[in-house]
C-alpha cells in the first residue's frame, strides 16, 4: 500500500487508537523505504505529492539538518513527519495526535528544557558528523551527543538498530553517559542489550513502555 493510502487510512482513525497506531507504524515503514531509496529529496517529493492531493503540509525545520513537516487537521488533530538522512544515519517517525491543551507553567518549563537539549544535540551532531574521523568534543557536548543519538536510534528502530549503527564500543560510552546523568533504568536496559544472547525485542518493549526523560536528566546534570 502506498504512503498516501496509509496516511489516508491513519487520518480516518482516532488519534491514539490501536488502528491509528498500527497504520502509523506501517506508514513509517513505507516512508523509511522511500528515504532509503532516494534520500530526503524523495521524501520531499512525497510531501509535494501529498499536498497536490489536497493536504496542507508545511516544513517546520530549517534548510539544514533533519526535516520536520507538520499538518493541522480539523477537530484539533495534527500529524507530523520527521525524517533524517545524513552521514549514514537514517530515521523516520510519524506522530498523529489531538492538539494538547495549553501547557501549565511547570509543563512549559519541562518542554523548554527538552527543547534546549535537542537543540544542543542537533548542533553538536551536525558538527561531529560533518568530519571524519569524528572530532574530539568537550566532555559536556560528547555526553549530549552520546545520549541524543542513543535515544534517536532506539526510538526509531530499537536496540538492534542502535547497536548496528553505532557499535558496541560506542554503546559502552553511552552507557557511562547514562549512568552519569542518573538514567538508571535506561542504563540497565542498555547494559542488558550488550550481554551475549540478549533478547533485544523484549528490551525494546521495556524501553518504550516506561521511557525515562533523558533530555531532562542530561540537562539537569549539565546544570549541576
Protein backbone atom coordinates (compact mmCIF):
# COMPACT_ATOMS: atom_id res chain seq x y z
CA UNK A 1 0.00 0.00 0.00
CA UNK A 2 1.31 3.48 -0.87
CA UNK A 3 2.27 6.09 1.70
CA UNK A 4 -0.64 8.26 0.51
CA UNK A 5 -3.13 5.43 1.09
CA UNK A 6 -1.66 4.64 4.51
CA UNK A 7 -1.81 8.29 5.52
CA UNK A 8 -5.46 8.48 4.46
CA UNK A 9 -6.20 5.33 6.49
CA UNK A 10 -4.39 6.67 9.57
CA UNK A 11 -6.20 10.02 9.45
CA UNK A 12 -9.55 8.23 9.19
CA UNK A 13 -8.90 6.68 12.62
CA UNK A 14 -8.97 8.35 16.02
CA UNK A 15 -5.59 9.60 17.27
CA UNK A 16 -4.19 7.23 19.89
CA UNK A 17 -6.44 4.33 18.85
CA UNK A 18 -5.00 0.89 18.15
CA UNK A 19 -5.99 1.23 14.49
CA UNK A 20 -4.23 4.57 14.12
CA UNK A 21 -1.09 3.33 15.87
CA UNK A 22 -0.92 0.19 13.72
CA UNK A 23 -1.28 2.16 10.49
CA UNK A 24 1.19 4.79 11.73
CA UNK A 25 3.85 2.09 12.11
CA UNK A 26 3.18 0.87 8.56
CA UNK A 27 3.34 4.46 7.30
CA UNK A 28 6.72 4.97 9.00
CA UNK A 29 7.99 1.79 7.34
CA UNK A 30 6.79 2.94 3.90
CA UNK A 31 8.39 6.37 4.28
CA UNK A 32 11.62 4.79 5.54
CA UNK A 33 11.77 2.75 2.32
CA UNK A 34 11.32 5.98 0.34
CA UNK A 35 14.11 7.61 2.36
CA UNK A 36 16.46 4.66 1.86
CA UNK A 37 15.79 4.57 -1.87
CA UNK A 38 16.08 8.27 -2.66
CA UNK A 39 17.17 10.20 0.41
CA UNK A 40 15.49 13.34 1.70
CA UNK A 41 14.73 14.52 -1.84
CA UNK A 42 12.48 11.51 -2.30
CA UNK A 43 10.67 12.30 0.96
CA UNK A 44 10.29 15.92 -0.16
CA UNK A 45 8.79 14.69 -3.44
CA UNK A 46 6.37 12.54 -1.42
CA UNK A 47 5.30 15.55 0.65
CA UNK A 48 4.76 17.59 -2.52
CA UNK A 49 2.63 14.80 -3.97
CA UNK A 50 0.53 14.69 -0.80
CA UNK A 51 -0.02 18.44 -0.98
CA UNK A 52 -1.04 18.06 -4.61
CA UNK A 53 -3.70 15.63 -3.36
CA UNK A 54 -5.20 18.28 -1.05
CA UNK A 55 -3.03 18.18 2.07
CA UNK A 56 -1.57 21.35 3.63
CA UNK A 57 1.73 20.02 4.92
CA UNK A 58 4.34 22.65 5.79
CA UNK A 59 8.01 22.44 6.62
CA UNK A 60 8.79 23.44 10.22
CA UNK A 61 12.57 22.85 10.26
CA UNK A 62 15.36 24.94 8.78
CA UNK A 63 17.17 24.38 5.48
CA UNK A 64 19.89 22.26 7.12
CA UNK A 65 19.73 19.15 9.28
CA UNK A 66 16.77 16.81 9.90
CA UNK A 67 13.47 17.71 8.28
CA UNK A 68 10.15 18.06 10.07
CA UNK A 69 6.84 18.54 8.28
CA UNK A 70 3.55 19.31 10.02
CA UNK A 71 -0.12 19.50 9.09
CA UNK A 72 -3.02 20.86 11.15
CA UNK A 73 -6.27 18.98 10.61
CA UNK A 74 -9.89 19.51 11.58
CA UNK A 75 -11.07 18.56 15.05
CA UNK A 76 -7.85 19.82 16.64
CA UNK A 77 -5.85 16.94 15.17
CA UNK A 78 -2.29 17.22 13.89
CA UNK A 79 0.23 14.93 12.29
CA UNK A 80 4.00 15.40 11.96
CA UNK A 81 6.65 13.70 9.85
CA UNK A 82 10.31 13.70 10.90
CA UNK A 83 12.99 12.45 8.51
CA UNK A 84 16.75 12.38 8.81
CA UNK A 85 19.32 11.10 6.35
CA UNK A 86 22.92 12.18 6.89
CA UNK A 87 26.30 10.53 7.43
CA UNK A 88 24.84 7.04 7.13
CA UNK A 89 22.12 7.63 9.73
CA UNK A 90 18.52 7.36 8.55
CA UNK A 91 15.48 7.87 10.75
CA UNK A 92 11.76 8.37 10.19
CA UNK A 93 9.00 8.99 12.69
CA UNK A 94 5.34 9.94 12.35
CA UNK A 95 3.27 11.50 15.13
CA UNK A 96 -0.53 11.67 14.98
CA UNK A 97 -2.35 13.26 17.87
CA UNK A 98 -5.02 15.64 19.06
CA UNK A 99 -3.61 19.08 19.76
CA UNK A 100 -2.98 19.26 23.52
CA UNK A 101 -4.40 21.99 25.76
CA UNK A 102 -2.13 24.90 26.70
CA UNK A 103 0.79 23.91 28.92
CA UNK A 104 0.87 24.77 32.59
CA UNK A 105 3.89 26.79 33.80
CA UNK A 106 5.51 23.60 35.08
CA UNK A 107 4.83 21.74 31.83
CA UNK A 108 6.20 24.68 29.85
CA UNK A 109 9.41 24.56 31.88
CA UNK A 110 9.78 20.83 31.17
CA UNK A 111 9.10 21.44 27.47
CA UNK A 112 11.67 24.24 27.31
CA UNK A 113 14.28 22.03 28.98
CA UNK A 114 13.65 19.23 26.49
CA UNK A 115 13.80 21.62 23.54
CA UNK A 116 17.11 23.04 24.82
CA UNK A 117 18.60 19.54 24.97
CA UNK A 118 17.50 18.55 21.46
CA UNK A 119 18.65 21.88 20.01
CA UNK A 120 22.07 21.31 21.56
CA UNK A 121 22.15 17.69 20.39
CA UNK A 122 21.35 18.70 16.80
CA UNK A 123 24.04 21.39 16.89
CA UNK A 124 26.68 19.04 18.34
CA UNK A 125 25.73 16.18 15.99
CA UNK A 126 25.95 18.41 12.93
CA UNK A 127 29.50 19.41 13.94
CA UNK A 128 30.58 15.89 14.94
CA UNK A 129 29.20 14.01 11.93
CA UNK A 130 30.50 16.54 9.41
CA UNK A 131 34.07 15.34 9.90
CA UNK A 132 35.83 12.01 9.69
CA UNK A 133 37.27 10.95 11.99
CA UNK A 134 34.86 12.49 14.46
CA UNK A 135 36.50 15.49 16.18
CA UNK A 136 37.28 15.48 19.88
CA UNK A 137 34.41 17.19 21.67
CA UNK A 138 34.24 18.91 25.06
CA UNK A 139 33.01 16.38 27.68
CA UNK A 140 29.57 18.00 28.04
CA UNK A 141 28.98 18.06 24.28
CA UNK A 142 30.08 14.44 23.95
CA UNK A 143 27.64 13.43 26.71
CA UNK A 144 24.82 15.19 24.85
CA UNK A 145 25.82 13.51 21.59
CA UNK A 146 26.01 10.02 23.08
CA UNK A 147 22.65 10.26 24.84
CA UNK A 148 20.87 12.02 21.96
CA UNK A 149 21.96 9.57 19.28
CA UNK A 150 21.17 6.61 21.56
CA UNK A 151 17.63 7.86 22.17
CA UNK A 152 17.05 8.71 18.49
CA UNK A 153 18.18 5.29 17.24
CA UNK A 154 16.32 3.24 19.85
CA UNK A 155 13.13 5.26 19.38
CA UNK A 156 13.31 4.71 15.64
CA UNK A 157 14.44 1.09 15.36
CA UNK A 158 15.11 -0.39 18.78
CA UNK A 159 18.34 -1.55 20.39
CA UNK A 160 19.18 -3.62 17.33
CA UNK A 161 19.28 -0.54 15.08
CA UNK A 162 21.30 1.39 17.65
CA UNK A 163 23.94 -1.32 18.03
CA UNK A 164 24.13 -1.87 14.27
CA UNK A 165 24.60 1.86 13.63
CA UNK A 166 26.92 2.75 16.47
CA UNK A 167 28.62 -0.47 17.55
CA UNK A 168 29.30 -1.87 20.98
CA UNK A 169 32.29 0.29 21.80
CA UNK A 170 30.27 3.49 21.40
CA UNK A 171 27.34 1.88 23.20
CA UNK A 172 29.57 1.33 26.23
CA UNK A 173 30.46 5.03 26.15
CA UNK A 174 26.74 5.84 26.01
CA UNK A 175 26.18 3.53 28.95
CA UNK A 176 28.70 5.51 31.01
CA UNK A 177 26.94 8.74 29.99
CA UNK A 178 23.53 7.37 31.03
CA UNK A 179 24.92 6.37 34.41
CA UNK A 180 26.48 9.82 34.82
CA UNK A 181 23.11 11.57 34.36
CA UNK A 182 21.43 9.02 36.67
CA UNK A 183 19.24 7.45 33.96
CA UNK A 184 19.47 4.19 35.88
CA UNK A 185 16.54 2.38 34.27
CA UNK A 186 17.74 3.12 30.74
CA UNK A 187 21.32 2.25 31.69
CA UNK A 188 20.13 -1.15 32.95
CA UNK A 189 18.38 -1.79 29.62
CA UNK A 190 21.44 -0.85 27.57
CA UNK A 191 23.66 -2.94 29.81
CA UNK A 192 21.35 -5.92 29.22
CA UNK A 193 21.37 -5.25 25.45
CA UNK A 194 25.17 -5.55 25.45
CA UNK A 195 25.09 -9.01 27.03
CA UNK A 196 25.61 -12.05 24.75
CA UNK A 197 22.30 -13.52 23.55
CA UNK A 198 20.27 -10.52 24.72
CA UNK A 199 16.60 -10.58 23.68
CA UNK A 200 16.56 -7.12 22.17
CA UNK A 201 12.87 -7.13 21.26
CA UNK A 202 11.87 -7.53 24.91
CA UNK A 203 14.26 -4.76 25.90
CA UNK A 204 12.66 -2.53 23.25
CA UNK A 205 9.24 -3.14 24.80
CA UNK A 206 10.52 -2.19 28.25
CA UNK A 207 12.18 0.95 26.88
CA UNK A 208 9.01 2.13 25.11
CA UNK A 209 6.67 1.17 27.96
CA UNK A 210 8.25 3.47 30.56
CA UNK A 211 10.82 5.79 28.95
CA UNK A 212 12.94 7.99 31.16
CA UNK A 213 13.14 11.67 30.26
CA UNK A 214 16.74 11.52 29.10
CA UNK A 215 16.73 15.12 27.90
CA UNK A 216 15.75 16.48 31.31
CA UNK A 217 18.17 14.21 33.15
CA UNK A 218 21.02 15.27 30.88
CA UNK A 219 20.23 18.99 31.21
CA UNK A 220 19.90 18.67 35.00
CA UNK A 221 23.32 17.00 35.13
CA UNK A 222 24.88 19.73 32.97
CA UNK A 223 23.34 22.47 35.09
CA UNK A 224 24.76 20.92 38.24
